Structure formats: structure tokens, C-alpha cells
């Protein structure tokens, strides 16, 4: 398996302090990507925790969603509804290199951690704000979720059935895409700070991120005036074999010729009705019917060998067990064991491209590192204890700490 350095001196953000005030997916995943690049990420949660902890499949009081986007962070629990907690939160933000929040417009300001107030004290601060629709405008305060955004931004339209029925994409696509754009924009802001010493207020919203994700389809619609829910070439589809399903396609004449050789179909090559992609698109139903009949005669392994021999574009349609068993997944170390409380290690897929591969650390319990982090960040021990006793802070019980 290829390896990458584990020495954090190789990581570009080693020593960088990130204060993650966000909840859910877009903000937390942005912060988690920065952790994978070497940053020290402190996750601050209210006493009830990030709402993402309780959504979907849950193990040991933490959902798969919460684990996925908070691996490696250190957890601090602060009740910012109390005056002392609000003051502490602002003090922590003033000590960070990056602050990430994804509240609705105005909430961070009411919590005392809005950009303007912090930037007066720290003009070099990189501050990332993620919202649903942006800081102002007619939809600025509208509630937003991944499903809402997939509907409102055209993603469901892009994923319509051949009959034209809009469908939600079966991933948290709006949130995940926004997180990736946010991590890139934060990196650009850090580069600007390194050159000029100036910080930046990075503002993103899910609505814009979903539009950017669809730029090609939006342009194609602008040219054609409509969107057809069909493939761009033929043959191009998923076909059942005797024991599994294969995705098989040809994008141009050369690839079609290779497919004809793999399937032993010289008559297709000689057919003038199949001489170009446009012609083949007109014959798509015929091609797909004949391919489906042929591929169903033998197991997937038989066709994979023939298609690979001719370098035809194809892949077995896999579930997640199939992904784990993929030979290339084993070679790359694609799914790493994550020791997370509550059971056996879980398979974790890192963001690609990191210069150093940090050892994985479990996503924290609520307030798991409260005392450790605040002591490290310069809060007096007596003050920490007083706030713990007053319920302003929470330190997780030892039994809730990560392995």
C-alpha cells in the first residue's frame, strides 16, 4: 500500500488553530479537512451537542454523520447562553487562526463571535461563514437543509428520471460540496494572509455552491433551452450479467470499436447506422437491448476480462462491501480502520491529497477535551473549575472519552 508521511511537520497547517463553532455537515467537514492537513481543530458544542450527533445511524450516542465530519477534533463544551460562556467563546475566537461557523445570518453576532467584532481585535483572522442562502436578500433567513437545497438549486432536476421526475441525489451533496468549496476558499485566505498579513471574511452559502457544482449542466441548458435526462453517448448504461451488474460505455468511435471487439460484434462496426455517436444515440434502445441479452449469458468476471483486454470503459456496480473488497482500495488503503467507541473499528475514507497522513483519532464526545484545551489556550485552572461548577463548561466523563 502506498504510504504518505505521518510527520506533521510535512503537513501545511501544522500549528494552525481552528475554532469550529459549526454544526451539521458543511462547516464541520470544512474544519475536518483542515485537520487532515495538519491543523489543531477544536470543536465547540453546546451542552446538547451538535445536532448532527443525533441524525441517522447512531452508535454510542454519536451518529455516523457526526463521526464522519469530526474525526480528529478536540471537543469543548461551552454554554454560550450564559454570560461567562459567551465571554469565553469570544476569547477563544480571538486566539484562533481560523473561526468556522454555519449559523443563520445574525446568530454569530448575537453570540458575540461575529466577524466584525473579532476582526477589530485580530485583523489577521480568517473567518469562514457558511449559510443557506447568503447574509442578505429575500431568502437570507429561510431555513435550509440538504434536501431543501437539492430541490431549490436544481440538483433534483438534474437527477430526474428518464420520465422527467425529479429525484433527490442519495448523498448529502449540497452540504458536502459546500464544505469542499469552503475548505478551498479558507486555504486561499490563508495564502493571502501569509503574503500580506491580512485576514479575510470568507462567505459561502449552499445555494451558490450547488449552482457552481452544476455549472456545466446550467450552461448546457442555456445553450439548448432544455435538459434531456439521457446519457451523452451510446451505448452507455448499466447491464445485468449472470451474477452482477456492469456499467459499460463508449464515448467515441475508437471506444466503440474496442467495445465491438470485446463483444465479438463485427457487424456493429460494419453497420452505417452505428458509424458515429450521433447515429448510435438514435439506435440507443437497440444497442442496449442487444448488449443486455448478450451480457446476461455469462458472469461479470467473464465480461470484465474481455472488456479489460480491449481497454473498454466499464466497472462493476458495487455496494460498500464491494468497495472494501476492490483490489485498488486495498492498494491505496482507501478505507482505514477508525477506532471509535461503541464497537469494532469503522471504515473511514480520508479526503485525498493531504501531504501527511495523520493517524486517525476518534470523533470526540461532547466536551471530551474541555479542560485540556482551555488550559492549553491560557485559561486559568481556577477559572476553568469555577465555570465547570457553574455549568458554563462541561467535561465528558472518562467513560465517554474516545479510545
Protein backbone atom coordinates (compact mmCIF):
# COMPACT_ATOMS: atom_id res chain seq x y z
CA UNK A 1 0.00 0.00 0.00
CA UNK A 2 1.39 3.44 -0.85
CA UNK A 3 2.21 5.45 2.24
CA UNK A 4 2.46 9.14 2.96
CA UNK A 5 4.45 10.82 5.75
CA UNK A 6 2.98 10.83 9.25
CA UNK A 7 5.37 13.54 10.49
CA UNK A 8 3.13 16.57 10.97
CA UNK A 9 5.99 18.88 10.03
CA UNK A 10 5.12 17.79 6.48
CA UNK A 11 1.53 18.97 6.92
CA UNK A 12 0.92 22.53 5.61
CA UNK A 13 -1.35 23.56 8.50
CA UNK A 14 0.67 22.13 11.36
CA UNK A 15 0.38 24.51 14.31
CA UNK A 16 -2.70 26.26 12.93
CA UNK A 17 -5.55 26.76 15.41
CA UNK A 18 -9.05 26.25 14.05
CA UNK A 19 -12.09 27.02 16.19
CA UNK A 20 -15.03 25.08 14.80
CA UNK A 21 -18.32 26.52 16.05
CA UNK A 22 -20.32 24.93 13.25
CA UNK A 23 -22.81 22.07 13.35
CA UNK A 24 -24.11 19.51 10.90
CA UNK A 25 -22.02 18.88 7.80
CA UNK A 26 -20.79 21.82 5.70
CA UNK A 27 -18.88 23.64 8.45
CA UNK A 28 -17.68 20.55 10.35
CA UNK A 29 -16.40 18.85 7.19
CA UNK A 30 -14.55 22.01 6.13
CA UNK A 31 -12.84 22.05 9.54
CA UNK A 32 -12.15 18.32 9.39
CA UNK A 33 -10.40 18.69 6.02
CA UNK A 34 -8.16 21.32 7.61
CA UNK A 35 -7.41 18.81 10.39
CA UNK A 36 -6.34 16.29 7.76
CA UNK A 37 -3.91 18.95 6.52
CA UNK A 38 -2.34 19.25 9.99
CA UNK A 39 -4.42 21.86 11.84
CA UNK A 40 -5.39 21.62 15.50
CA UNK A 41 -9.19 21.76 15.31
CA UNK A 42 -11.21 22.50 18.43
CA UNK A 43 -14.89 21.63 18.14
CA UNK A 44 -17.06 23.76 20.43
CA UNK A 45 -20.54 22.42 21.17
CA UNK A 46 -23.44 23.48 23.38
CA UNK A 47 -24.48 21.16 26.24
CA UNK A 48 -26.89 19.25 23.96
CA UNK A 49 -24.18 18.82 21.36
CA UNK A 50 -24.05 19.37 17.63
CA UNK A 51 -27.48 18.48 16.17
CA UNK A 52 -25.67 16.23 13.70
CA UNK A 53 -24.85 13.80 16.54
CA UNK A 54 -28.44 12.59 16.59
CA UNK A 55 -29.26 12.23 12.86
CA UNK A 56 -29.27 8.89 11.03
CA UNK A 57 -27.42 5.75 12.14
CA UNK A 58 -26.16 6.17 15.73
CA UNK A 59 -23.59 4.23 17.75
CA UNK A 60 -22.64 5.12 21.32
CA UNK A 61 -24.59 8.41 21.24
CA UNK A 62 -22.94 9.62 18.05
CA UNK A 63 -24.21 9.28 14.50
CA UNK A 64 -22.20 8.15 11.50
CA UNK A 65 -22.70 11.66 10.14
CA UNK A 66 -21.15 13.24 13.24
CA UNK A 67 -18.26 10.77 13.31
CA UNK A 68 -17.50 11.28 9.61
CA UNK A 69 -17.07 15.03 9.83
CA UNK A 70 -15.49 15.38 13.30
CA UNK A 71 -12.71 12.78 13.29
CA UNK A 72 -9.53 14.07 14.92
CA UNK A 73 -11.01 17.17 16.54
CA UNK A 74 -10.77 18.02 20.21
CA UNK A 75 -14.12 18.62 21.87
CA UNK A 76 -15.00 21.53 24.16
CA UNK A 77 -18.47 22.10 25.64
CA UNK A 78 -19.49 25.71 26.36
CA UNK A 79 -22.93 27.02 27.30
CA UNK A 80 -22.84 30.34 25.40
CA UNK A 81 -26.32 31.20 26.68
CA UNK A 82 -24.65 32.14 29.94
CA UNK A 83 -22.73 35.42 30.09
CA UNK A 84 -19.48 33.77 31.18
CA UNK A 85 -19.76 31.23 28.40
CA UNK A 86 -20.39 33.93 25.81
CA UNK A 87 -17.33 35.85 27.00
CA UNK A 88 -15.20 32.70 26.95
CA UNK A 89 -16.31 31.87 23.42
CA UNK A 90 -15.30 35.31 22.17
CA UNK A 91 -11.95 34.99 23.95
CA UNK A 92 -11.31 31.62 22.29
CA UNK A 93 -12.23 33.04 18.89
CA UNK A 94 -9.71 35.81 19.47
CA UNK A 95 -6.97 33.23 20.00
CA UNK A 96 -7.72 31.18 16.87
CA UNK A 97 -6.23 31.46 13.38
CA UNK A 98 -9.49 30.36 11.73
CA UNK A 99 -13.06 30.52 13.00
CA UNK A 100 -15.74 28.49 11.21
CA UNK A 101 -19.47 28.95 11.79
CA UNK A 102 -22.58 27.98 9.84
CA UNK A 103 -25.40 29.68 11.71
CA UNK A 104 -28.15 31.70 10.10
CA UNK A 105 -27.23 35.36 9.50
CA UNK A 106 -27.09 37.32 12.76
CA UNK A 107 -26.74 34.38 15.14
CA UNK A 108 -22.94 34.56 15.46
CA UNK A 109 -23.19 38.28 16.21
CA UNK A 110 -25.70 37.63 18.99
CA UNK A 111 -23.32 35.02 20.39
CA UNK A 112 -20.51 37.60 20.47
CA UNK A 113 -18.44 35.87 17.78
CA UNK A 114 -19.41 37.82 14.67
CA UNK A 115 -16.70 38.67 12.17
CA UNK A 116 -16.62 42.46 12.57
CA UNK A 117 -16.09 42.40 16.33
CA UNK A 118 -13.40 39.73 16.15
CA UNK A 119 -11.58 41.33 13.20
CA UNK A 120 -11.12 44.56 15.17
CA UNK A 121 -9.04 42.59 17.66
CA UNK A 122 -7.49 40.21 15.12
CA UNK A 123 -7.11 41.81 11.67
CA UNK A 124 -5.26 38.65 10.53
CA UNK A 125 -8.20 36.37 11.40
CA UNK A 126 -9.57 34.08 8.70
CA UNK A 127 -13.28 33.76 9.39
CA UNK A 128 -15.49 31.33 7.47
CA UNK A 129 -19.25 31.91 7.41
CA UNK A 130 -21.47 29.28 5.79
CA UNK A 131 -25.20 29.88 5.39
CA UNK A 132 -28.08 28.54 3.38
CA UNK A 133 -28.71 31.45 1.04
CA UNK A 134 -26.20 34.16 1.97
CA UNK A 135 -26.05 37.00 4.51
CA UNK A 136 -28.79 39.14 2.95
CA UNK A 137 -31.53 39.10 0.36
CA UNK A 138 -35.12 37.77 0.35
CA UNK A 139 -34.11 34.23 1.37
CA UNK A 140 -31.30 35.07 3.81
CA UNK A 141 -33.23 33.84 6.85
CA UNK A 142 -35.03 30.95 5.16
CA UNK A 143 -34.41 27.52 6.71
CA UNK A 144 -32.09 25.38 4.60
CA UNK A 145 -31.16 21.71 4.62
CA UNK A 146 -29.58 19.41 2.08
CA UNK A 147 -32.96 18.25 0.78
CA UNK A 148 -34.32 21.79 0.62
CA UNK A 149 -31.26 22.92 -1.28
CA UNK A 150 -31.30 20.00 -3.71
CA UNK A 151 -34.85 20.99 -4.60
CA UNK A 152 -34.28 24.75 -4.70
CA UNK A 153 -31.00 24.76 -6.65
CA UNK A 154 -31.85 22.41 -9.49
CA UNK A 155 -30.00 19.34 -8.21
CA UNK A 156 -33.21 17.30 -8.12
CA UNK A 157 -33.99 18.49 -11.63
CA UNK A 158 -30.51 17.39 -12.74
CA UNK A 159 -31.17 13.94 -11.25
CA UNK A 160 -34.54 13.42 -12.91
CA UNK A 161 -35.68 10.05 -14.16
CA UNK A 162 -35.94 9.38 -17.92
CA UNK A 163 -39.64 10.13 -17.46
CA UNK A 164 -38.78 13.58 -16.12
CA UNK A 165 -39.48 13.01 -12.42
CA UNK A 166 -37.10 15.00 -10.15
CA UNK A 167 -35.20 12.92 -7.59
CA UNK A 168 -33.04 13.72 -4.61
CA UNK A 169 -29.42 12.60 -5.07
CA UNK A 170 -28.80 9.88 -2.49
CA UNK A 171 -25.92 11.72 -0.81
CA UNK A 172 -25.75 14.89 1.28
CA UNK A 173 -24.47 16.51 -1.89
CA UNK A 174 -25.34 20.16 -1.14
CA UNK A 175 -23.60 20.13 2.24
CA UNK A 176 -20.59 18.13 1.11
CA UNK A 177 -19.96 20.30 -1.94
CA UNK A 178 -20.20 23.44 0.19
CA UNK A 179 -17.66 22.01 2.64
CA UNK A 180 -15.20 21.35 -0.17
CA UNK A 181 -15.60 24.86 -1.59
CA UNK A 182 -15.24 26.29 1.93
CA UNK A 183 -12.00 24.40 2.59
CA UNK A 184 -10.56 25.65 -0.70
CA UNK A 185 -11.63 29.24 0.00
CA UNK A 186 -10.18 29.07 3.52
CA UNK A 187 -6.90 27.83 2.07
CA UNK A 188 -6.83 30.74 -0.37
CA UNK A 189 -7.47 33.15 2.51
CA UNK A 190 -4.60 31.63 4.48
CA UNK A 191 -2.34 32.07 1.47
CA UNK A 192 -3.34 35.73 1.25
CA UNK A 193 -2.64 36.14 4.97
CA UNK A 194 0.80 34.58 4.56
CA UNK A 195 1.62 37.10 1.83
CA UNK A 196 0.01 40.24 3.25
CA UNK A 197 -0.69 39.62 6.93
CA UNK A 198 -4.36 40.43 6.34
CA UNK A 199 -7.18 38.14 7.30
CA UNK A 200 -10.39 37.66 5.38
CA UNK A 201 -14.08 37.03 5.86
CA UNK A 202 -14.84 34.02 3.68
CA UNK A 203 -18.58 33.86 2.99
CA UNK A 204 -20.21 30.89 1.29
CA UNK A 205 -23.72 29.56 1.04
CA UNK A 206 -25.22 26.26 -0.02
CA UNK A 207 -27.29 27.89 -2.77
CA UNK A 208 -24.23 29.24 -4.59
CA UNK A 209 -22.24 26.06 -4.01
CA UNK A 210 -24.96 23.93 -5.60
CA UNK A 211 -25.08 26.25 -8.61
CA UNK A 212 -21.29 26.08 -9.00
CA UNK A 213 -21.46 22.29 -8.78
CA UNK A 214 -23.83 22.28 -11.75
CA UNK A 215 -22.07 24.85 -13.92
CA UNK A 216 -21.77 22.52 -16.92
CA UNK A 217 -25.42 21.47 -16.82
CA UNK A 218 -26.60 25.06 -16.36
CA UNK A 219 -24.54 26.15 -19.37
CA UNK A 220 -25.83 23.24 -21.46
CA UNK A 221 -29.38 24.21 -20.54
CA UNK A 222 -28.62 27.80 -21.52
CA UNK A 223 -27.46 26.61 -24.94
CA UNK A 224 -30.19 24.05 -25.62
CA UNK A 225 -33.08 25.56 -23.69
CA UNK A 226 -33.92 22.18 -22.22
CA UNK A 227 -32.35 19.29 -20.38
CA UNK A 228 -32.65 15.72 -21.55
CA UNK A 229 -32.28 13.07 -18.87
CA UNK A 230 -30.23 10.75 -21.08
CA UNK A 231 -26.59 9.80 -21.42
CA UNK A 232 -24.24 11.76 -23.71
CA UNK A 233 -23.23 8.69 -25.72
CA UNK A 234 -24.40 5.25 -26.77
CA UNK A 235 -24.06 2.57 -25.70
CA UNK A 236 -23.89 3.92 -22.18
CA UNK A 237 -25.68 2.16 -19.35
CA UNK A 238 -25.83 -0.43 -16.59
CA UNK A 239 -26.36 -4.01 -17.74
CA UNK A 240 -27.08 -7.20 -15.77
CA UNK A 241 -24.71 -10.11 -16.23
CA UNK A 242 -25.37 -13.63 -14.98
CA UNK A 243 -24.35 -12.67 -11.44
CA UNK A 244 -23.79 -8.89 -11.14
CA UNK A 245 -24.25 -5.56 -12.92
CA UNK A 246 -21.73 -3.79 -15.12
CA UNK A 247 -21.58 -0.17 -16.22
CA UNK A 248 -20.35 -0.16 -19.84
CA UNK A 249 -19.97 2.78 -22.22
CA UNK A 250 -18.29 4.12 -25.34
CA UNK A 251 -17.76 7.86 -25.80
CA UNK A 252 -16.35 7.98 -29.33
CA UNK A 253 -15.73 5.86 -32.43
CA UNK A 254 -12.44 4.42 -31.20
CA UNK A 255 -14.00 3.31 -27.92
CA UNK A 256 -17.00 1.85 -29.77
CA UNK A 257 -14.64 -0.18 -31.98
CA UNK A 258 -12.93 -1.57 -28.88
CA UNK A 259 -16.31 -2.49 -27.41
CA UNK A 260 -17.26 -4.27 -30.65
CA UNK A 261 -14.05 -6.33 -30.47
CA UNK A 262 -14.61 -7.19 -26.81
CA UNK A 263 -18.17 -8.38 -27.53
CA UNK A 264 -17.22 -10.01 -30.84
CA UNK A 265 -19.63 -7.78 -32.75
CA UNK A 266 -18.02 -7.10 -36.16
CA UNK A 267 -21.47 -6.48 -37.63
CA UNK A 268 -21.84 -3.36 -35.46
CA UNK A 269 -18.62 -1.92 -36.87
CA UNK A 270 -19.85 -2.53 -40.40
CA UNK A 271 -23.28 -1.00 -39.79
CA UNK A 272 -23.59 2.55 -41.28
CA UNK A 273 -26.36 3.24 -38.74
CA UNK A 274 -23.73 3.00 -35.97
CA UNK A 275 -20.94 4.97 -37.63
CA UNK A 276 -20.99 7.98 -35.28
CA UNK A 277 -22.02 8.81 -31.74
CA UNK A 278 -24.99 10.79 -33.01
CA UNK A 279 -26.08 7.80 -35.11
CA UNK A 280 -25.60 5.44 -32.19
CA UNK A 281 -27.66 7.71 -29.92
CA UNK A 282 -30.54 7.25 -32.39
CA UNK A 283 -30.02 3.47 -32.09
CA UNK A 284 -29.58 3.53 -28.32
CA UNK A 285 -32.54 1.30 -27.45
CA UNK A 286 -31.46 -1.35 -29.96
CA UNK A 287 -27.83 -1.32 -28.78
CA UNK A 288 -28.83 -1.56 -25.13
CA UNK A 289 -31.29 -4.38 -25.77
CA UNK A 290 -28.74 -6.45 -27.69
CA UNK A 291 -25.99 -5.78 -25.12
CA UNK A 292 -28.28 -6.73 -22.24
CA UNK A 293 -29.17 -10.03 -23.93
CA UNK A 294 -25.51 -10.83 -24.56
CA UNK A 295 -24.08 -9.82 -21.18
CA UNK A 296 -26.72 -11.82 -19.31
CA UNK A 297 -25.26 -15.03 -20.75
CA UNK A 298 -22.06 -15.04 -18.64
CA UNK A 299 -20.83 -13.91 -15.19
CA UNK A 300 -19.39 -10.44 -14.67
CA UNK A 301 -15.84 -11.80 -14.38
CA UNK A 302 -16.07 -13.21 -17.92
CA UNK A 303 -17.00 -9.82 -19.36
CA UNK A 304 -14.57 -7.88 -17.16
CA UNK A 305 -11.70 -9.93 -18.60
CA UNK A 306 -12.81 -9.29 -22.20
CA UNK A 307 -13.58 -5.61 -21.68
CA UNK A 308 -10.29 -5.03 -19.87
CA UNK A 309 -8.37 -6.75 -22.64
CA UNK A 310 -9.74 -4.22 -25.16
CA UNK A 311 -9.46 -1.27 -22.71
CA UNK A 312 -13.20 -0.62 -22.76
CA UNK A 313 -14.69 1.80 -20.21
CA UNK A 314 -16.50 -0.37 -17.69
CA UNK A 315 -16.90 -1.07 -13.98
CA UNK A 316 -18.74 -3.46 -11.76
CA UNK A 317 -21.59 -1.77 -9.86
CA UNK A 318 -20.51 -2.17 -6.24
CA UNK A 319 -22.07 -1.71 -2.85
CA UNK A 320 -19.86 -0.64 0.08
CA UNK A 321 -18.79 -4.22 0.82
CA UNK A 322 -17.76 -4.41 -2.82
CA UNK A 323 -15.85 -1.16 -2.49
CA UNK A 324 -13.97 -2.52 0.52
CA UNK A 325 -13.08 -5.65 -1.48
CA UNK A 326 -11.85 -3.67 -4.51
CA UNK A 327 -8.20 -4.54 -5.26
CA UNK A 328 -7.32 -0.87 -5.79
CA UNK A 329 -8.95 0.06 -2.47
CA UNK A 330 -6.61 -2.36 -0.72
CA UNK A 331 -3.62 -0.99 -2.63
CA UNK A 332 -4.43 2.63 -1.74
CA UNK A 333 -5.50 1.96 1.84
CA UNK A 334 -8.75 3.62 0.83
CA UNK A 335 -10.75 2.63 3.90
CA UNK A 336 -8.79 2.92 7.13
CA UNK A 337 -9.88 1.43 10.47
CA UNK A 338 -11.13 4.16 12.80
CA UNK A 339 -11.20 3.19 16.49
CA UNK A 340 -14.44 4.83 17.61
CA UNK A 341 -16.12 3.99 20.95
CA UNK A 342 -19.03 1.60 20.99
CA UNK A 343 -17.84 -1.31 18.89
CA UNK A 344 -15.40 -2.57 16.31
CA UNK A 345 -13.30 -0.16 14.21
CA UNK A 346 -15.19 1.61 11.43
CA UNK A 347 -14.05 2.09 7.80
CA UNK A 348 -13.01 5.70 7.19
CA UNK A 349 -12.25 7.36 3.83
CA UNK A 350 -9.96 10.38 4.04
CA UNK A 351 -10.11 13.45 1.84
CA UNK A 352 -7.49 12.90 -0.89
CA UNK A 353 -4.35 14.91 -1.45
CA UNK A 354 -3.01 15.55 2.05
CA UNK A 355 0.78 15.88 2.24
CA UNK A 356 0.89 13.91 5.50
CA UNK A 357 -1.40 11.11 6.63
CA UNK A 358 -2.19 11.87 10.27
CA UNK A 359 -3.03 8.90 12.48
CA UNK A 360 -6.81 8.80 12.77
CA UNK A 361 -8.33 9.89 16.08
CA UNK A 362 -11.91 9.21 17.08
CA UNK A 363 -14.52 11.94 16.82
CA UNK A 364 -14.80 13.40 20.34
CA UNK A 365 -17.55 13.07 22.91
CA UNK A 366 -19.28 16.32 23.90
CA UNK A 367 -16.73 18.24 25.97
CA UNK A 368 -14.16 15.45 25.95
CA UNK A 369 -11.19 17.84 25.89
CA UNK A 370 -12.67 20.90 27.61
CA UNK A 371 -10.15 21.17 30.44
CA UNK A 372 -7.19 20.16 28.28
CA UNK A 373 -7.91 22.71 25.54
CA UNK A 374 -8.80 25.65 27.77
CA UNK A 375 -5.70 25.09 29.89
CA UNK A 376 -3.60 24.98 26.74
CA UNK A 377 -5.28 28.14 25.42
CA UNK A 378 -4.36 30.10 28.55
CA UNK A 379 -7.48 29.98 30.73
CA UNK A 380 -6.57 29.84 34.43
CA UNK A 381 -7.26 26.47 36.11
CA UNK A 382 -9.28 28.12 38.88
CA UNK A 383 -11.48 29.84 36.30
CA UNK A 384 -12.00 26.58 34.45
CA UNK A 385 -13.07 24.85 37.65
CA UNK A 386 -15.43 27.67 38.56
CA UNK A 387 -17.10 27.51 35.16
CA UNK A 388 -17.39 23.73 35.39
CA UNK A 389 -19.11 24.03 38.75
CA UNK A 390 -21.45 26.73 37.41
CA UNK A 391 -22.41 24.62 34.40
CA UNK A 392 -20.87 27.01 31.91
CA UNK A 393 -18.48 24.26 30.81
CA UNK A 394 -18.83 20.51 30.61
CA UNK A 395 -16.06 17.91 30.72
CA UNK A 396 -17.06 14.49 29.40
CA UNK A 397 -16.94 11.56 31.77
CA UNK A 398 -13.96 9.27 31.31
CA UNK A 399 -16.27 6.54 30.09
CA UNK A 400 -17.38 8.75 27.19
CA UNK A 401 -13.90 9.57 26.02
CA UNK A 402 -12.67 8.22 22.72
CA UNK A 403 -10.43 5.19 22.64
